[in-house]
């Protein structure tokens, strides 16, 4: 199998390369898949590109996705836990003629902005991952993750939050990921720093006052 990536430091910029009709990706989000050799689309399992009535995968801006991450789609994939059997007889309807379609949607899978998903993490159907969250390598995410939470394990558990409540509120107000590319470039020394108050002041002075 030929490697899609040149080396372990190369990446796939998703907004410019993914053309699946049921996947939407924001600017600058990327997949670094050298160690698994394949494109990002192969990380997304059971997502039908021919149908419009299916759950979608929606990824925000400035997200970092590690090699071999998996996004499980297609709801319950035809397995009903509340039926006598979880077996999807409907997919062999030519044999089991009285079978019923057990498929249930889970809802769109949503990944916020500035999310880091580690290598071989698995995101289950219908999950929402909040902006700024960090998903450790090989974590299995089975329920929604709050913004700026750092999680790991199977199932995912919250280890800590990246910032305190006041700082998270400021970041939600600032929303630097929605700035223009030039505004982000101008604020780069502040974004690549630990002092959120300085970024807040920059936003108040140079962006809020100008746009208002």
Protein backbone atom coordinates (compact mmCIF):
# COMPACT_ATOMS: atom_id res chain seq x y z
CA UNK A 1 0.00 0.00 0.00
CA UNK A 2 1.48 3.29 -1.11
CA UNK A 3 1.59 5.98 1.58
CA UNK A 4 -0.56 9.02 0.81
CA UNK A 5 1.79 11.10 2.97
CA UNK A 6 5.41 11.91 2.08
CA UNK A 7 6.68 11.66 5.64
CA UNK A 8 5.50 11.69 9.26
CA UNK A 9 5.53 15.49 9.34
CA UNK A 10 3.29 15.99 6.30
CA UNK A 11 -0.46 16.52 6.59
CA UNK A 12 -3.67 16.71 4.56
CA UNK A 13 -5.43 20.08 4.66
CA UNK A 14 -9.00 18.87 4.78
CA UNK A 15 -10.94 21.88 3.54
CA UNK A 16 -9.01 21.73 0.25
CA UNK A 17 -8.99 17.96 -0.30
CA UNK A 18 -12.12 16.35 1.15
CA UNK A 19 -14.97 16.24 -1.37
CA UNK A 20 -17.36 13.86 0.39
CA UNK A 21 -20.84 15.46 0.26
CA UNK A 22 -21.62 14.47 3.87
CA UNK A 23 -18.39 15.78 5.39
CA UNK A 24 -17.90 19.50 6.09
CA UNK A 25 -14.57 20.82 7.37
CA UNK A 26 -13.53 24.33 8.37
CA UNK A 27 -10.42 26.22 7.32
CA UNK A 28 -6.95 25.00 8.32
CA UNK A 29 -8.12 21.74 9.92
CA UNK A 30 -5.76 18.92 8.98
CA UNK A 31 -5.17 15.18 9.21
CA UNK A 32 -1.68 13.81 9.87
CA UNK A 33 -1.95 10.20 8.71
CA UNK A 34 1.53 9.04 7.74
CA UNK A 35 1.60 6.08 10.13
CA UNK A 36 -1.63 4.66 8.70
CA UNK A 37 -0.83 5.66 5.09
CA UNK A 38 -4.37 6.60 4.07
CA UNK A 39 -6.32 9.80 3.39
CA UNK A 40 -8.69 11.28 5.94
CA UNK A 41 -11.78 9.97 4.15
CA UNK A 42 -10.80 6.43 5.19
CA UNK A 43 -10.98 7.53 8.84
CA UNK A 44 -14.71 8.05 8.39
CA UNK A 45 -16.50 4.69 8.55
CA UNK A 46 -19.90 3.80 7.08
CA UNK A 47 -20.76 7.25 5.75
CA UNK A 48 -22.79 6.90 2.55
CA UNK A 49 -21.83 9.51 -0.03
CA UNK A 50 -24.81 8.78 -2.29
CA UNK A 51 -27.53 9.61 0.25
CA UNK A 52 -28.51 13.00 1.66
CA UNK A 53 -30.74 11.68 4.47
CA UNK A 54 -27.87 10.39 6.63
CA UNK A 55 -25.97 11.77 9.61
CA UNK A 56 -23.13 14.09 8.64
CA UNK A 57 -19.64 14.72 9.96
CA UNK A 58 -19.03 18.41 10.62
CA UNK A 59 -15.57 19.56 11.73
CA UNK A 60 -14.69 23.13 12.70
CA UNK A 61 -11.68 25.28 11.94
CA UNK A 62 -8.08 24.81 13.10
CA UNK A 63 -8.56 21.19 14.19
CA UNK A 64 -5.65 18.73 14.43
CA UNK A 65 -6.44 15.05 13.78
CA UNK A 66 -3.85 12.35 14.47
CA UNK A 67 -3.02 9.30 12.40
CA UNK A 68 -5.60 6.52 12.39
CA UNK A 69 -8.37 8.42 14.17
CA UNK A 70 -11.79 6.89 13.44
CA UNK A 71 -15.17 8.56 13.11
CA UNK A 72 -17.90 5.91 13.33
CA UNK A 73 -21.01 6.94 11.43
CA UNK A 74 -24.35 5.45 10.29
CA UNK A 75 -26.13 5.65 13.63
CA UNK A 76 -26.74 2.22 15.13
CA UNK A 77 -25.67 0.58 11.83
CA UNK A 78 -28.78 -1.56 11.91
CA UNK A 79 -28.21 -3.11 15.34
CA UNK A 80 -31.13 -2.64 17.78
CA UNK A 81 -30.21 -3.25 21.41
CA UNK A 82 -33.87 -3.37 22.45
CA UNK A 83 -34.83 -6.12 20.01
CA UNK A 84 -34.49 -9.82 20.80
CA UNK A 85 -31.50 -9.96 18.44
CA UNK A 86 -29.03 -7.27 17.45
CA UNK A 87 -28.41 -9.04 14.13
CA UNK A 88 -29.27 -6.87 11.07
CA UNK A 89 -31.50 -9.39 9.27
CA UNK A 90 -32.79 -6.62 6.98
CA UNK A 91 -29.52 -6.55 5.08
CA UNK A 92 -30.28 -10.11 3.95
CA UNK A 93 -33.93 -9.49 3.19
CA UNK A 94 -33.84 -11.94 0.29
CA UNK A 95 -33.48 -14.68 2.93
CA UNK A 96 -35.29 -13.12 5.90
CA UNK A 97 -38.26 -11.70 4.03
CA UNK A 98 -40.23 -10.50 7.07
CA UNK A 99 -37.28 -8.68 8.61
CA UNK A 100 -37.53 -5.01 9.56
CA UNK A 101 -35.05 -2.21 8.97
CA UNK A 102 -33.43 -1.63 12.37
CA UNK A 103 -31.41 1.41 11.32
CA UNK A 104 -31.68 4.48 13.57
CA UNK A 105 -29.89 7.77 13.10
CA UNK A 106 -27.64 9.08 15.87
CA UNK A 107 -27.54 12.70 14.68
CA UNK A 108 -24.65 14.56 13.11
CA UNK A 109 -21.19 14.14 14.59
CA UNK A 110 -19.91 17.61 15.46
CA UNK A 111 -16.33 18.62 16.17
CA UNK A 112 -15.86 22.20 17.35
CA UNK A 113 -13.04 24.56 16.45
CA UNK A 114 -9.44 24.20 17.65
CA UNK A 115 -9.92 20.56 18.68
CA UNK A 116 -6.95 18.17 18.90
CA UNK A 117 -7.80 14.50 18.32
CA UNK A 118 -4.95 12.10 19.07
CA UNK A 119 -3.80 9.09 17.07
CA UNK A 120 -6.25 6.17 16.82
CA UNK A 121 -8.94 7.89 18.88
CA UNK A 122 -12.44 6.63 18.05
CA UNK A 123 -15.38 9.01 17.89
CA UNK A 124 -18.72 7.22 18.09
CA UNK A 125 -21.86 8.29 16.15
CA UNK A 126 -23.74 11.45 17.06
CA UNK A 127 -21.14 12.82 19.47
CA UNK A 128 -20.40 16.53 19.90
CA UNK A 129 -16.85 17.54 20.82
CA UNK A 130 -16.68 21.06 22.18
CA UNK A 131 -14.35 23.76 20.92
CA UNK A 132 -10.82 23.60 22.28
CA UNK A 133 -11.14 20.04 23.58
CA UNK A 134 -8.24 17.57 23.52
CA UNK A 135 -8.88 13.87 22.86
CA UNK A 136 -5.96 11.66 23.94
CA UNK A 137 -4.61 8.93 21.66
CA UNK A 138 -6.76 5.76 21.49
CA UNK A 139 -9.57 7.35 23.47
CA UNK A 140 -13.09 6.09 22.74
CA UNK A 141 -15.55 8.99 22.80
CA UNK A 142 -19.09 7.73 23.42
CA UNK A 143 -20.77 10.93 24.65
CA UNK A 144 -20.45 14.69 24.28
CA UNK A 145 -17.21 16.35 25.40
CA UNK A 146 -17.35 19.86 26.93
CA UNK A 147 -15.34 22.72 25.44
CA UNK A 148 -11.68 22.84 26.51
CA UNK A 149 -11.86 19.49 28.30
CA UNK A 150 -8.88 17.13 28.14
CA UNK A 151 -10.15 13.55 27.96
CA UNK A 152 -8.76 10.04 27.63
CA UNK A 153 -9.56 6.39 28.14
CA UNK A 154 -12.26 3.92 27.15
CA UNK A 155 -14.80 5.30 27.60
CA UNK A 156 -13.47 8.86 27.60
CA UNK A 157 -13.15 10.53 31.00
CA UNK A 158 -12.32 14.15 31.73
CA UNK A 159 -8.84 14.55 33.19
CA UNK A 160 -8.90 18.33 33.44
CA UNK A 161 -9.85 21.53 31.65
CA UNK A 162 -7.25 23.51 29.75
CA UNK A 163 -8.31 26.80 31.35
CA UNK A 164 -10.45 28.07 34.20
CA UNK A 165 -14.11 29.04 33.72
CA UNK A 166 -13.39 32.74 33.34
CA UNK A 167 -10.73 32.12 30.70
CA UNK A 168 -13.01 29.74 28.79
CA UNK A 169 -15.78 32.35 28.79
CA UNK A 170 -13.34 34.89 27.36
CA UNK A 171 -12.23 32.49 24.63
CA UNK A 172 -15.86 31.82 23.71
CA UNK A 173 -16.36 35.58 23.40
CA UNK A 174 -13.16 36.18 21.46
CA UNK A 175 -13.71 33.30 18.99
CA UNK A 176 -10.34 33.88 17.38
CA UNK A 177 -10.98 30.96 15.01
CA UNK A 178 -13.68 33.07 13.31
CA UNK A 179 -11.35 35.99 12.70
CA UNK A 180 -10.05 36.73 9.23
CA UNK A 181 -6.76 35.14 8.28
CA UNK A 182 -5.06 38.53 8.52
CA UNK A 183 -6.46 39.14 12.00
CA UNK A 184 -5.15 35.75 13.13
CA UNK A 185 -1.74 36.51 11.64
CA UNK A 186 -1.58 39.86 13.44
CA UNK A 187 -2.45 38.23 16.77
CA UNK A 188 -0.11 35.25 16.35
CA UNK A 189 2.26 36.21 19.21
CA UNK A 190 -0.78 36.36 21.53
CA UNK A 191 -2.38 33.15 20.27
CA UNK A 192 0.92 31.30 20.69
CA UNK A 193 1.06 32.28 24.37
CA UNK A 194 -0.46 31.39 27.73
CA UNK A 195 -1.88 34.81 28.61
CA UNK A 196 -5.53 34.90 27.57
CA UNK A 197 -6.06 38.34 29.12
CA UNK A 198 -3.61 39.84 26.63
CA UNK A 199 -5.53 38.27 23.75
CA UNK A 200 -8.77 39.55 25.25
CA UNK A 201 -7.41 43.10 25.38
CA UNK A 202 -6.17 42.84 21.80
CA UNK A 203 -9.61 41.65 20.72
CA UNK A 204 -11.35 44.51 22.55
CA UNK A 205 -9.03 47.13 21.10
CA UNK A 206 -8.37 45.93 17.57
CA UNK A 207 -11.34 43.81 16.53
CA UNK A 208 -14.48 44.56 18.57
CA UNK A 209 -14.07 48.32 18.40
CA UNK A 210 -13.35 48.25 14.68
CA UNK A 211 -16.19 45.91 13.68
CA UNK A 212 -18.68 47.76 15.88
